[in-house]
Amino acid sequence: MYLARVTGRVVASQKYKGLEGVALQWIQPLDEDGEAMGAQLVACAAVSTGPGDLVHFVDGREAALACPVKFVPVDAAIIGYVEQAVSKGEFIGRDRKS
């Protein structure tokens, strides 16, 4: 599992069979301090998330297993919403004050 921030939504006029109704999100992977790490990527959202949300995601074979139809061709899937994360005493997330 990896930490990421949702940066936007992706709209696809055509989807692969088995991905109908599955939301696609742009995500920015984060390091252990909450800083951007690597390039942004598209992930299928197994849970309801939106721009600005802190999430955890899986990639590879596990991403395909997180979708409603198993073994669809996806590289990443959001599997959970992170309510709060702390690194070195600092909050990581949308609301750094709570």
Protein backbone atom coordinates (compact mmCIF):
# COMPACT_ATOMS: atom_id res chain seq x y z
CA MET A 1 0.00 0.00 0.00
CA TYR A 2 1.11 3.51 -0.78
CA LEU A 3 0.02 6.98 0.28
CA ALA A 4 -1.29 9.48 -2.31
CA ARG A 5 -3.36 12.62 -2.75
CA VAL A 6 -6.21 12.77 -5.25
CA THR A 7 -5.51 15.70 -7.58
CA GLY A 8 -8.38 15.37 -10.03
CA ARG A 9 -10.93 13.24 -11.81
CA VAL A 10 -10.59 11.48 -15.15
CA VAL A 11 -13.51 11.18 -17.57
CA ALA A 12 -13.41 8.38 -20.12
CA SER A 13 -15.91 8.30 -22.96
CA GLN A 14 -15.20 4.58 -23.42
CA LYS A 15 -14.14 2.11 -20.76
CA TYR A 16 -12.83 -1.41 -20.85
CA LYS A 17 -15.51 -4.03 -20.23
CA GLY A 18 -15.74 -4.57 -16.48
CA LEU A 19 -14.81 -0.98 -15.58
CA GLU A 20 -18.23 0.53 -16.23
CA GLY A 21 -19.28 2.59 -13.19
CA VAL A 22 -15.76 2.63 -11.70
CA ALA A 23 -14.50 6.17 -11.02
CA LEU A 24 -11.06 7.11 -12.33
CA GLN A 25 -8.94 9.57 -10.30
CA TRP A 26 -5.64 11.37 -10.88
CA ILE A 27 -3.40 10.70 -7.88
CA GLN A 28 -0.03 12.01 -6.77
CA PRO A 29 1.99 9.41 -4.82
CA LEU A 30 3.49 10.78 -1.59
CA ASP A 31 6.56 9.87 0.43
CA GLU A 32 6.60 9.25 4.19
CA ASP A 33 6.66 13.02 4.85
CA GLY A 34 3.66 13.74 2.63
CA GLU A 35 5.75 15.25 -0.17
CA ALA A 36 5.10 14.47 -3.86
CA MET A 37 7.07 11.46 -5.07
CA GLY A 38 7.25 10.49 -8.73
CA ALA A 39 4.79 11.13 -11.51
CA GLN A 40 1.02 11.36 -11.16
CA LEU A 41 -1.03 8.39 -12.31
CA VAL A 42 -4.60 7.30 -12.93
CA ALA A 43 -6.19 4.98 -10.37
CA CYS A 44 -9.55 3.23 -10.19
CA ALA A 45 -11.44 4.28 -7.08
CA ALA A 46 -12.79 1.31 -5.12
CA VAL A 47 -14.00 3.81 -2.48
CA SER A 48 -15.59 7.23 -2.89
CA THR A 49 -12.88 9.89 -3.05
CA GLY A 50 -12.38 13.28 -4.63
CA PRO A 51 -9.77 15.95 -5.30
CA GLY A 52 -7.78 16.89 -2.21
CA ASP A 53 -8.40 13.61 -0.38
CA LEU A 54 -5.53 11.69 1.19
CA VAL A 55 -5.83 8.03 0.19
CA HIS A 56 -3.94 4.78 0.14
CA PHE A 57 -3.64 2.76 -3.03
CA VAL A 58 -2.24 -0.50 -4.35
CA ASP A 59 -0.66 -1.25 -7.68
CA GLY A 60 0.00 -4.28 -9.85
CA ARG A 61 -2.08 -7.43 -9.50
CA GLU A 62 -3.65 -6.22 -6.24
CA ALA A 63 -5.12 -3.22 -8.07
CA ALA A 64 -7.03 -5.49 -10.43
CA LEU A 65 -8.34 -7.49 -7.48
CA ALA A 66 -9.71 -4.33 -5.80
CA CYS A 67 -12.12 -3.65 -8.69
CA PRO A 68 -15.67 -5.07 -8.75
CA VAL A 69 -14.80 -7.26 -11.75
CA LYS A 70 -11.56 -9.14 -11.05
CA PHE A 71 -8.53 -9.04 -13.34
CA VAL A 72 -9.43 -5.98 -15.38
CA PRO A 73 -6.38 -4.19 -16.85
CA VAL A 74 -5.61 -1.52 -14.25
CA ASP A 75 -2.29 -0.45 -12.77
CA ALA A 76 -3.49 1.25 -9.57
CA ALA A 77 -6.58 1.25 -7.36
CA ILE A 78 -7.55 3.48 -4.45
CA ILE A 79 -8.63 1.20 -1.64
CA GLY A 80 -9.03 3.52 1.32
CA TYR A 81 -9.47 7.06 2.56
CA VAL A 82 -6.89 8.30 5.10
CA GLU A 83 -8.55 10.48 7.72
CA GLN A 84 -5.34 11.53 9.42
CA ALA A 85 -1.63 10.82 9.13
CA VAL A 86 1.27 12.21 11.17
CA SER A 87 4.94 12.22 10.23
CA LYS A 88 7.62 13.68 12.52
CA GLY A 89 4.93 15.41 14.57
CA GLU A 90 3.37 17.12 11.54
CA PHE A 91 -0.07 16.34 10.12
CA ILE A 92 -0.22 15.03 6.55
CA GLY A 93 -3.55 15.59 4.88
CA ARG A 94 -6.13 18.15 3.85
CA ASP A 95 -6.70 19.61 7.30
CA ARG A 96 -3.37 20.14 9.04
CA LYS A 97 -4.98 21.90 12.04
CA SER A 98 -7.04 19.04 13.47
